Amino acid sequence: MSIVSFEDLQELSGYKQVNKVIEWLREHRIRFIIAGDGKPRTVHDFLREDLSDSETNRNTATPIRFG
């Protein structure tokens, strides 16, 4: 499993603030942890699975909002 860094999550979400990135992860139901520095991290497998699952389980297609 390779770790998705906080910087990568910032780029993906379009947010810079820690709390906004966490809110975005929760909104998209992406599993994550809070690392010792207080910033969220996930792994590529979870990111791929969770984004895929959220798209599959929706009745209508909803675009992912980046910021």
Protein backbone atom coordinates (compact mmCIF):
# COMPACT_ATOMS: atom_id res chain seq x y z
CA MET A 1 0.00 0.00 0.00
CA SER A 2 1.33 3.40 -0.92
CA ILE A 3 0.39 6.44 1.12
CA VAL A 4 -1.38 9.43 -0.38
CA SER A 5 0.29 12.46 1.14
CA PHE A 6 -1.52 15.45 2.57
CA GLU A 7 -0.12 17.54 -0.27
CA ASP A 8 -1.67 15.14 -2.79
CA LEU A 9 -4.98 15.31 -0.94
CA GLN A 10 -4.80 19.10 -1.07
CA GLU A 11 -4.26 18.99 -4.80
CA LEU A 12 -7.04 16.46 -5.35
CA SER A 13 -9.59 18.27 -3.17
CA GLY A 14 -8.60 21.78 -4.19
CA TYR A 15 -8.41 22.85 -0.54
CA LYS A 16 -5.34 23.95 1.42
CA GLN A 17 -6.67 24.02 4.99
CA VAL A 18 -6.52 20.78 6.98
CA ASN A 19 -10.14 20.99 8.14
CA LYS A 20 -11.38 21.59 4.58
CA VAL A 21 -9.47 18.58 3.25
CA ILE A 22 -10.93 16.43 6.05
CA GLU A 23 -14.42 17.73 5.26
CA TRP A 24 -13.89 16.85 1.57
CA LEU A 25 -12.70 13.34 2.48
CA ARG A 26 -15.78 12.79 4.65
CA GLU A 27 -18.11 14.19 2.00
CA HIS A 28 -16.72 11.68 -0.49
CA ARG A 29 -16.66 8.88 2.10
CA ILE A 30 -12.95 8.26 1.67
CA ARG A 31 -11.34 6.33 4.50
CA PHE A 32 -8.46 8.19 6.12
CA ILE A 33 -6.48 8.59 9.31
CA ILE A 34 -5.11 11.65 11.06
CA ALA A 35 -1.33 11.39 11.27
CA GLY A 36 0.79 12.58 14.16
CA ASP A 37 1.13 16.01 12.56
CA GLY A 38 -2.67 16.45 12.61
CA LYS A 39 -3.03 16.07 8.84
CA PRO A 40 -5.12 13.41 7.07
CA ARG A 41 -3.58 10.55 5.11
CA THR A 42 -5.01 7.69 3.13
CA VAL A 43 -3.65 4.98 0.86
CA HIS A 44 -4.06 4.73 -2.90
CA ASP A 45 -6.12 1.53 -2.60
CA PHE A 46 -8.68 3.16 -0.27
CA LEU A 47 -8.85 6.28 -2.42
CA ARG A 48 -9.49 4.28 -5.58
CA GLU A 49 -12.01 1.91 -3.93
CA ASP A 50 -13.91 4.60 -2.07
CA LEU A 51 -14.21 6.95 -5.03
CA SER A 52 -15.27 4.03 -7.22
CA ASP A 53 -17.82 2.77 -4.66
CA SER A 54 -19.31 6.21 -4.17
CA GLU A 55 -19.81 6.59 -7.91
CA THR A 56 -21.30 3.10 -8.29
CA ASN A 57 -23.75 3.48 -5.39
CA ARG A 58 -25.30 6.73 -6.58
CA ASN A 59 -28.57 6.78 -8.47
CA THR A 60 -27.47 9.76 -10.52
CA ALA A 61 -24.01 10.75 -11.55
CA THR A 62 -22.64 13.57 -9.45
CA PRO A 63 -19.46 15.31 -10.51
CA ILE A 64 -16.61 15.47 -8.02
CA ARG A 65 -16.10 19.05 -6.95
CA PHE A 66 -12.49 20.19 -6.81
CA GLY A 67 -12.55 23.24 -4.58
